[in-house]
């Protein structure tokens, strides 16, 4: 009869296996970096005014309603406007773009039909595309914010 392990025993066993320990510690490190970056405001923006403007405007316009959904997808970092405000949205955008491109571009469709190796290549392409998408989204966000003089930090 197998012994039933409790959550504390399973957690302790996690650190006994070197490969699992390495992956768990890496995950914890990434989470710590993300949480740290989520508390660093973007320089040059008055974050109090920024938050106040979005909270006031949120009820009246569909644009601000959309930004509310975007804020939820960025783990609440958009309205706080931290250095990690974009969250996972650039990656999601890249994944959607490549899913659509595999239906339109014959070469990508052939790569996708190669099975697991093709899927890995498509995922790699979408991860690479995440970087320019992130840069573009950051530029558009900065342009939007600099067009409002009331948001400039004093």
N, C-alpha and C. Protein backbone atom coordinates (compact mmCIF):
# COMPACT_ATOMS: atom_id res chain seq x y z
N UNK A 1 0.84 -1.18 0.00
CA UNK A 1 0.00 0.00 0.00
C UNK A 1 0.89 1.25 0.00
N UNK A 2 0.56 2.19 -0.90
CA UNK A 2 1.34 3.42 -1.01
C UNK A 2 1.07 4.34 0.17
N UNK A 3 2.11 5.00 0.58
CA UNK A 3 1.99 5.97 1.67
C UNK A 3 1.51 7.30 1.09
N UNK A 4 0.52 7.89 1.72
CA UNK A 4 -0.01 9.18 1.28
C UNK A 4 0.84 10.28 1.90
N UNK A 5 1.35 11.15 1.03
CA UNK A 5 2.20 12.24 1.50
C UNK A 5 1.36 13.52 1.62
N UNK A 6 1.63 14.28 2.65
CA UNK A 6 0.98 15.57 2.81
C UNK A 6 1.69 16.64 2.01
N UNK A 7 1.10 17.82 1.91
CA UNK A 7 1.72 18.90 1.14
C UNK A 7 3.10 19.29 1.66
N UNK A 8 3.30 19.25 2.96
CA UNK A 8 4.61 19.64 3.50
C UNK A 8 5.69 18.62 3.12
N UNK A 9 5.32 17.34 3.09
CA UNK A 9 6.29 16.32 2.68
C UNK A 9 6.62 16.44 1.20
N UNK A 10 5.61 16.72 0.39
CA UNK A 10 5.85 16.88 -1.05
C UNK A 10 6.72 18.11 -1.30
N UNK A 11 6.50 19.18 -0.55
CA UNK A 11 7.32 20.38 -0.70
C UNK A 11 8.76 20.11 -0.28
N UNK A 12 8.94 19.35 0.79
CA UNK A 12 10.30 19.00 1.24
C UNK A 12 10.99 18.12 0.20
N UNK A 13 10.26 17.19 -0.40
CA UNK A 13 10.83 16.32 -1.43
C UNK A 13 11.23 17.10 -2.68
N UNK A 14 10.57 18.21 -2.91
CA UNK A 14 10.88 19.04 -4.06
C UNK A 14 12.34 19.49 -4.03
N UNK A 15 12.84 19.78 -2.84
CA UNK A 15 14.21 20.27 -2.72
C UNK A 15 15.24 19.15 -2.59
N UNK A 16 14.79 17.90 -2.55
CA UNK A 16 15.72 16.78 -2.50
C UNK A 16 16.20 16.37 -3.89
N UNK A 17 15.40 16.65 -4.91
CA UNK A 17 15.75 16.31 -6.28
C UNK A 17 16.42 17.53 -6.91
N UNK A 18 17.69 17.40 -7.31
CA UNK A 18 18.45 18.57 -7.78
C UNK A 18 17.79 19.31 -8.95
N UNK A 19 17.28 18.58 -9.93
CA UNK A 19 16.69 19.23 -11.10
C UNK A 19 15.44 20.02 -10.71
N UNK A 20 14.58 19.43 -9.88
CA UNK A 20 13.38 20.13 -9.43
C UNK A 20 13.74 21.33 -8.56
N UNK A 21 14.75 21.16 -7.73
CA UNK A 21 15.18 22.27 -6.86
C UNK A 21 15.65 23.44 -7.72
N UNK A 22 16.42 23.14 -8.76
CA UNK A 22 16.93 24.18 -9.65
C UNK A 22 15.78 24.92 -10.34
N UNK A 23 14.80 24.18 -10.83
CA UNK A 23 13.65 24.79 -11.51
C UNK A 23 12.79 25.60 -10.54
N UNK A 24 12.59 25.08 -9.33
CA UNK A 24 11.78 25.79 -8.34
C UNK A 24 12.46 27.09 -7.91
N UNK A 25 13.76 27.04 -7.70
CA UNK A 25 14.49 28.25 -7.30
C UNK A 25 14.52 29.28 -8.43
N UNK A 26 14.65 28.82 -9.67
CA UNK A 26 14.60 29.74 -10.81
C UNK A 26 13.24 30.42 -10.90
N UNK A 27 12.17 29.64 -10.71
CA UNK A 27 10.82 30.20 -10.73
C UNK A 27 10.64 31.23 -9.62
N UNK A 28 11.10 30.92 -8.43
CA UNK A 28 11.01 31.87 -7.32
C UNK A 28 11.81 33.14 -7.60
N UNK A 29 12.97 33.00 -8.23
CA UNK A 29 13.78 34.16 -8.59
C UNK A 29 13.05 35.05 -9.59
N UNK A 30 12.47 34.43 -10.61
CA UNK A 30 11.73 35.19 -11.62
C UNK A 30 10.54 35.91 -10.98
N UNK A 31 9.82 35.23 -10.10
CA UNK A 31 8.70 35.88 -9.40
C UNK A 31 9.17 37.05 -8.54
N UNK A 32 10.30 36.89 -7.88
CA UNK A 32 10.84 37.98 -7.05
C UNK A 32 11.22 39.18 -7.92
N UNK A 33 11.87 38.93 -9.06
CA UNK A 33 12.24 40.03 -9.96
C UNK A 33 10.98 40.73 -10.48
N UNK A 34 9.96 39.95 -10.84
CA UNK A 34 8.72 40.54 -11.34
C UNK A 34 8.05 41.39 -10.27
N UNK A 35 7.97 40.88 -9.06
CA UNK A 35 7.35 41.65 -7.97
C UNK A 35 8.15 42.92 -7.67
N UNK A 36 9.47 42.82 -7.72
CA UNK A 36 10.32 43.98 -7.49
C UNK A 36 10.08 45.03 -8.58
N UNK A 37 10.09 44.61 -9.84
CA UNK A 37 9.86 45.52 -10.96
C UNK A 37 8.46 46.09 -11.00
N UNK A 38 7.52 45.38 -10.41
CA UNK A 38 6.14 45.86 -10.36
C UNK A 38 5.94 46.98 -9.36
N UNK A 39 6.95 47.27 -8.57
CA UNK A 39 6.87 48.35 -7.59
C UNK A 39 7.75 49.54 -7.95
N UNK A 40 8.43 49.49 -9.09
CA UNK A 40 9.28 50.60 -9.51
C UNK A 40 8.51 51.43 -10.54
N UNK A 41 8.14 52.66 -10.19
CA UNK A 41 7.39 53.49 -11.14
C UNK A 41 8.27 53.95 -12.30
N UNK A 42 7.63 54.21 -13.43
CA UNK A 42 8.34 54.72 -14.60
C UNK A 42 8.77 56.15 -14.31
N UNK A 43 10.04 56.49 -14.54
CA UNK A 43 10.50 57.86 -14.28
C UNK A 43 9.83 58.86 -15.21
N UNK A 44 9.58 60.06 -14.69
CA UNK A 44 9.02 61.14 -15.50
C UNK A 44 7.51 61.20 -15.51
N UNK A 45 6.85 60.27 -14.84
CA UNK A 45 5.38 60.25 -14.79
C UNK A 45 4.95 60.44 -13.35
N UNK A 46 4.01 61.36 -13.14
CA UNK A 46 3.44 61.54 -11.81
C UNK A 46 2.43 60.42 -11.60
N UNK A 47 2.81 59.40 -10.87
CA UNK A 47 1.97 58.21 -10.74
C UNK A 47 0.68 58.48 -10.00
N UNK A 48 0.68 59.42 -9.07
CA UNK A 48 -0.56 59.76 -8.35
C UNK A 48 -1.55 60.38 -9.31
N UNK A 49 -1.10 61.34 -10.13
CA UNK A 49 -1.98 61.97 -11.11
C UNK A 49 -2.43 60.95 -12.16
N UNK A 50 -1.52 60.08 -12.56
CA UNK A 50 -1.83 59.06 -13.55
C UNK A 50 -2.96 58.15 -13.05
N UNK A 51 -2.82 57.65 -11.85
CA UNK A 51 -3.84 56.77 -11.28
C UNK A 51 -5.16 57.51 -11.11
N UNK A 52 -5.11 58.75 -10.66
CA UNK A 52 -6.33 59.53 -10.44
C UNK A 52 -7.07 59.78 -11.75
N UNK A 53 -6.35 60.13 -12.80
CA UNK A 53 -6.99 60.38 -14.10
C UNK A 53 -7.68 59.13 -14.61
N UNK A 54 -7.01 57.99 -14.54
CA UNK A 54 -7.62 56.76 -15.04
C UNK A 54 -8.81 56.33 -14.19
N UNK A 55 -8.74 56.51 -12.91
CA UNK A 55 -9.86 56.12 -12.05
C UNK A 55 -11.08 57.02 -12.32
N UNK A 56 -10.84 58.33 -12.55
CA UNK A 56 -11.94 59.25 -12.83
C UNK A 56 -12.56 58.99 -14.19
N UNK A 57 -11.74 58.68 -15.19
CA UNK A 57 -12.22 58.52 -16.56
C UNK A 57 -12.77 57.13 -16.85
N UNK A 58 -12.55 56.20 -15.96
CA UNK A 58 -12.87 54.81 -16.23
C UNK A 58 -14.37 54.59 -16.47
N UNK A 59 -15.23 55.34 -15.80
CA UNK A 59 -16.66 55.10 -15.92
C UNK A 59 -17.24 55.58 -17.25
N UNK A 60 -16.71 56.68 -17.81
CA UNK A 60 -17.39 57.33 -18.91
C UNK A 60 -17.09 56.85 -20.30
N UNK A 61 -16.00 56.21 -20.57
CA UNK A 61 -15.58 55.94 -21.93
C UNK A 61 -15.28 54.47 -22.15
N UNK A 62 -15.57 53.99 -23.36
CA UNK A 62 -15.25 52.60 -23.68
C UNK A 62 -13.75 52.39 -23.73
N UNK A 63 -12.98 53.43 -24.09
CA UNK A 63 -11.52 53.31 -24.13
C UNK A 63 -10.99 52.99 -22.75
N UNK A 64 -11.49 53.70 -21.76
CA UNK A 64 -11.01 53.46 -20.40
C UNK A 64 -11.52 52.13 -19.86
N UNK A 65 -12.69 51.69 -20.35
CA UNK A 65 -13.16 50.35 -19.99
C UNK A 65 -12.23 49.29 -20.54
N UNK A 66 -11.79 49.50 -21.79
CA UNK A 66 -10.82 48.59 -22.40
C UNK A 66 -9.51 48.60 -21.61
N UNK A 67 -9.08 49.80 -21.20
CA UNK A 67 -7.86 49.89 -20.41
C UNK A 67 -8.02 49.21 -19.06
N UNK A 68 -9.25 49.19 -18.54
CA UNK A 68 -9.49 48.46 -17.29
C UNK A 68 -9.26 46.97 -17.47
N UNK A 69 -9.70 46.43 -18.61
CA UNK A 69 -9.46 45.01 -18.90
C UNK A 69 -7.96 44.78 -19.09
N UNK A 70 -7.31 45.68 -19.80
CA UNK A 70 -5.86 45.58 -20.01
C UNK A 70 -5.12 45.65 -18.68
N UNK A 71 -5.61 46.50 -17.78
CA UNK A 71 -5.02 46.61 -16.45
C UNK A 71 -5.14 45.28 -15.71
N UNK A 72 -6.28 44.63 -15.84
CA UNK A 72 -6.46 43.33 -15.18
C UNK A 72 -5.50 42.29 -15.76
N UNK A 73 -5.29 42.32 -17.07
CA UNK A 73 -4.38 41.36 -17.70
C UNK A 73 -2.91 41.65 -17.38
N UNK A 74 -2.62 42.88 -16.99
CA UNK A 74 -1.23 43.21 -16.63
C UNK A 74 -1.04 43.17 -15.12
N UNK A 75 -1.90 42.44 -14.44
CA UNK A 75 -1.82 42.24 -12.99
C UNK A 75 -1.89 43.55 -12.22
N UNK A 76 -2.67 44.51 -12.74
CA UNK A 76 -2.85 45.77 -12.04
C UNK A 76 -1.70 46.74 -12.18
N UNK A 77 -0.75 46.43 -13.05
CA UNK A 77 0.43 47.29 -13.18
C UNK A 77 0.23 48.46 -14.14
N UNK A 78 -0.80 48.42 -14.97
CA UNK A 78 -0.99 49.51 -15.92
C UNK A 78 -1.36 50.80 -15.20
N UNK A 79 -2.32 50.75 -14.30
CA UNK A 79 -2.74 51.96 -13.61
C UNK A 79 -1.69 52.44 -12.63
N UNK A 80 -0.81 51.56 -12.17
CA UNK A 80 0.29 51.99 -11.31
C UNK A 80 1.46 52.49 -12.15
N UNK A 81 1.48 52.13 -13.41
CA UNK A 81 2.50 52.46 -14.40
C UNK A 81 3.91 52.22 -13.87
N UNK A 82 4.19 50.96 -13.69
CA UNK A 82 5.52 50.52 -13.26
C UNK A 82 6.32 50.09 -14.48
N UNK A 83 7.58 49.72 -14.26
CA UNK A 83 8.41 49.33 -15.41
C UNK A 83 7.96 48.01 -16.03
N UNK A 84 7.13 47.24 -15.33
CA UNK A 84 6.58 46.01 -15.89
C UNK A 84 5.10 46.16 -16.22
N UNK A 85 4.67 47.35 -16.59
CA UNK A 85 3.26 47.62 -16.85
C UNK A 85 2.68 46.82 -18.00
N UNK A 86 3.49 46.46 -18.97
CA UNK A 86 2.97 45.73 -20.11
C UNK A 86 2.60 44.29 -19.76
N UNK A 87 3.17 43.76 -18.71
CA UNK A 87 2.84 42.41 -18.27
C UNK A 87 3.15 41.38 -19.36
N UNK A 88 2.24 40.44 -19.54
CA UNK A 88 2.45 39.38 -20.53
C UNK A 88 1.77 39.70 -21.86
N UNK A 89 1.21 40.90 -21.98
CA UNK A 89 0.48 41.24 -23.20
C UNK A 89 1.32 41.17 -24.47
N UNK A 90 2.59 41.61 -24.49
CA UNK A 90 3.36 41.45 -25.74
C UNK A 90 3.51 39.98 -26.15
N UNK A 91 3.69 39.10 -25.18
CA UNK A 91 3.82 37.67 -25.50
C UNK A 91 2.50 37.12 -26.03
N UNK A 92 1.40 37.50 -25.40
CA UNK A 92 0.09 37.04 -25.87
C UNK A 92 -0.16 37.55 -27.28
N UNK A 93 0.19 38.81 -27.54
CA UNK A 93 0.02 39.38 -28.89
C UNK A 93 0.84 38.60 -29.91
N UNK A 94 2.09 38.29 -29.57
CA UNK A 94 2.95 37.53 -30.49
C UNK A 94 2.38 36.14 -30.76
N UNK A 95 1.88 35.49 -29.72
CA UNK A 95 1.29 34.15 -29.90
C UNK A 95 0.08 34.22 -30.84
N UNK A 96 -0.78 35.21 -30.65
CA UNK A 96 -1.96 35.36 -31.50
C UNK A 96 -1.54 35.63 -32.94
N UNK A 97 -0.58 36.53 -33.11
CA UNK A 97 -0.10 36.85 -34.46
C UNK A 97 0.43 35.61 -35.17
N UNK A 98 1.23 34.81 -34.48
CA UNK A 98 1.79 33.62 -35.12
C UNK A 98 0.74 32.53 -35.35
N UNK A 99 -0.27 32.45 -34.50
CA UNK A 99 -1.35 31.51 -34.76
C UNK A 99 -2.08 31.89 -36.05
N UNK A 100 -2.28 33.20 -36.25
CA UNK A 100 -2.93 33.65 -37.47
C UNK A 100 -2.02 33.49 -38.69
N UNK A 101 -0.74 33.79 -38.50
CA UNK A 101 0.20 33.67 -39.63
C UNK A 101 0.35 32.23 -40.11
N UNK A 102 0.22 31.25 -39.22
CA UNK A 102 0.34 29.86 -39.66
C UNK A 102 -0.80 29.46 -40.59
N UNK A 103 -1.90 30.18 -40.54
CA UNK A 103 -3.02 29.90 -41.45
C UNK A 103 -2.87 30.63 -42.78
N UNK A 104 -2.05 31.68 -42.80
CA UNK A 104 -1.94 32.53 -43.99
C UNK A 104 -0.64 32.29 -44.76
N UNK A 105 0.46 32.10 -44.05
CA UNK A 105 1.77 31.94 -44.69
C UNK A 105 2.05 30.45 -44.89
N UNK A 106 2.19 30.02 -46.14
CA UNK A 106 2.39 28.58 -46.41
C UNK A 106 3.63 27.98 -45.74
N UNK A 107 4.73 28.74 -45.67
CA UNK A 107 5.95 28.21 -45.06
C UNK A 107 5.73 27.93 -43.57
N UNK A 108 5.04 28.82 -42.89
CA UNK A 108 4.76 28.60 -41.46
C UNK A 108 3.78 27.45 -41.27
N UNK A 109 2.85 27.30 -42.21
CA UNK A 109 1.91 26.18 -42.13
C UNK A 109 2.65 24.85 -42.28
N UNK A 110 3.64 24.81 -43.17
CA UNK A 110 4.44 23.59 -43.33
C UNK A 110 5.25 23.30 -42.08
N UNK A 111 5.83 24.33 -41.49
CA UNK A 111 6.60 24.14 -40.25
C UNK A 111 5.69 23.59 -39.15
N UNK A 112 4.47 24.12 -39.07
CA UNK A 112 3.54 23.67 -38.04
C UNK A 112 3.16 22.20 -38.23
N UNK A 113 3.12 21.74 -39.47
CA UNK A 113 2.74 20.36 -39.75
C UNK A 113 3.86 19.37 -39.45
N UNK A 114 5.05 19.85 -39.09
CA UNK A 114 6.18 18.97 -38.79
C UNK A 114 6.05 18.29 -37.43
N UNK A 115 5.01 18.54 -36.71
CA UNK A 115 4.81 17.91 -35.40
C UNK A 115 5.40 18.74 -34.28
N UNK A 116 5.94 18.04 -33.28
CA UNK A 116 6.47 18.71 -32.09
C UNK A 116 7.61 19.66 -32.42
N UNK A 117 8.51 19.25 -33.31
CA UNK A 117 9.64 20.13 -33.64
C UNK A 117 9.16 21.40 -34.34
N UNK A 118 8.15 21.27 -35.17
CA UNK A 118 7.58 22.44 -35.83
C UNK A 118 6.89 23.37 -34.85
N UNK A 119 6.17 22.78 -33.90
CA UNK A 119 5.52 23.59 -32.86
C UNK A 119 6.55 24.35 -32.04
N UNK A 120 7.67 23.69 -31.73
CA UNK A 120 8.74 24.35 -30.96
C UNK A 120 9.31 25.53 -31.75
N UNK A 121 9.49 25.34 -33.06
CA UNK A 121 10.03 26.43 -33.89
C UNK A 121 9.06 27.60 -33.94
N UNK A 122 7.77 27.32 -34.07
CA UNK A 122 6.76 28.40 -34.09
C UNK A 122 6.77 29.14 -32.75
N UNK A 123 6.85 28.40 -31.64
CA UNK A 123 6.92 29.04 -30.32
C UNK A 123 8.17 29.90 -30.19
N UNK A 124 9.29 29.41 -30.72
CA UNK A 124 10.53 30.18 -30.68
C UNK A 124 10.37 31.48 -31.48
N UNK A 125 9.76 31.39 -32.66
CA UNK A 125 9.53 32.59 -33.46
C UNK A 125 8.65 33.58 -32.72
N UNK A 126 7.62 33.08 -32.05
CA UNK A 126 6.73 34.01 -31.33
C UNK A 126 7.44 34.63 -30.13
N UNK A 127 8.32 33.90 -29.49
CA UNK A 127 9.09 34.48 -28.38
C UNK A 127 10.04 35.56 -28.88
N UNK A 128 10.65 35.32 -30.03
CA UNK A 128 11.53 36.33 -30.62
C UNK A 128 10.72 37.56 -31.02
N UNK A 129 9.53 37.35 -31.58
CA UNK A 129 8.67 38.47 -31.99
C UNK A 129 8.15 39.25 -30.79
N UNK A 130 8.16 38.65 -29.61
CA UNK A 130 7.69 39.35 -28.42
C UNK A 130 8.52 40.59 -28.14
N UNK A 131 9.81 40.54 -28.41
CA UNK A 131 10.70 41.66 -28.09
C UNK A 131 10.34 42.91 -28.90
N UNK A 132 10.24 42.85 -30.24
CA UNK A 132 9.85 44.07 -30.95
C UNK A 132 8.42 44.52 -30.64
N UNK A 133 7.52 43.57 -30.38
CA UNK A 133 6.16 43.94 -30.00
C UNK A 133 6.17 44.69 -28.68
N UNK A 134 6.98 44.22 -27.74
CA UNK A 134 7.11 44.89 -26.45
C UNK A 134 7.66 46.31 -26.63
N UNK A 135 8.66 46.45 -27.47
CA UNK A 135 9.24 47.78 -27.72
C UNK A 135 8.20 48.71 -28.34
N UNK A 136 7.45 48.22 -29.33
CA UNK A 136 6.41 49.04 -29.96
C UNK A 136 5.32 49.43 -28.96
N UNK A 137 4.86 48.48 -28.16
CA UNK A 137 3.83 48.80 -27.18
C UNK A 137 4.34 49.81 -26.16
N UNK A 138 5.60 49.70 -25.77
CA UNK A 138 6.18 50.65 -24.82
C UNK A 138 6.25 52.05 -25.44
N UNK A 139 6.66 52.13 -26.71
CA UNK A 139 6.73 53.42 -27.39
C UNK A 139 5.36 54.06 -27.49
N UNK A 140 4.34 53.28 -27.87
CA UNK A 140 2.99 53.82 -27.97
C UNK A 140 2.47 54.27 -26.61
N UNK A 141 2.77 53.51 -25.58
CA UNK A 141 2.32 53.88 -24.24
C UNK A 141 2.99 55.17 -23.79
N UNK A 142 4.29 55.30 -24.03
CA UNK A 142 5.01 56.51 -23.64
C UNK A 142 4.48 57.71 -24.43
N UNK A 143 4.23 57.54 -25.74
CA UNK A 143 3.68 58.64 -26.54
C UNK A 143 2.31 59.06 -26.04
N UNK A 144 1.49 58.10 -25.66
CA UNK A 144 0.17 58.42 -25.12
C UNK A 144 0.30 59.23 -23.84
N UNK A 145 1.20 58.82 -22.98
CA UNK A 145 1.34 59.49 -21.69
C UNK A 145 2.00 60.85 -21.80
N UNK A 146 2.96 61.00 -22.70
CA UNK A 146 3.62 62.30 -22.83
C UNK A 146 2.73 63.31 -23.54
N UNK A 147 1.65 62.85 -24.17
CA UNK A 147 0.71 63.79 -24.80
C UNK A 147 -0.19 64.46 -23.77
N UNK A 148 -0.16 64.00 -22.53
CA UNK A 148 -0.96 64.58 -21.45
C UNK A 148 -0.03 65.31 -20.50
N UNK A 149 0.03 66.65 -20.57
CA UNK A 149 0.98 67.39 -19.73
C UNK A 149 0.68 67.28 -18.24
N UNK A 150 -0.54 66.97 -17.86
CA UNK A 150 -0.87 66.87 -16.44
C UNK A 150 -0.23 65.64 -15.78
N UNK A 151 0.31 64.73 -16.59
CA UNK A 151 0.95 63.54 -16.04
C UNK A 151 2.45 63.72 -15.81
N UNK A 152 3.01 64.82 -16.27
CA UNK A 152 4.46 65.02 -16.12
C UNK A 152 4.81 65.19 -14.65
N UNK A 153 5.85 64.51 -14.25
CA UNK A 153 6.31 64.61 -12.86
C UNK A 153 6.93 65.98 -12.63
N UNK A 154 6.69 66.50 -11.45
CA UNK A 154 7.24 67.83 -11.14
C UNK A 154 8.51 67.73 -10.35
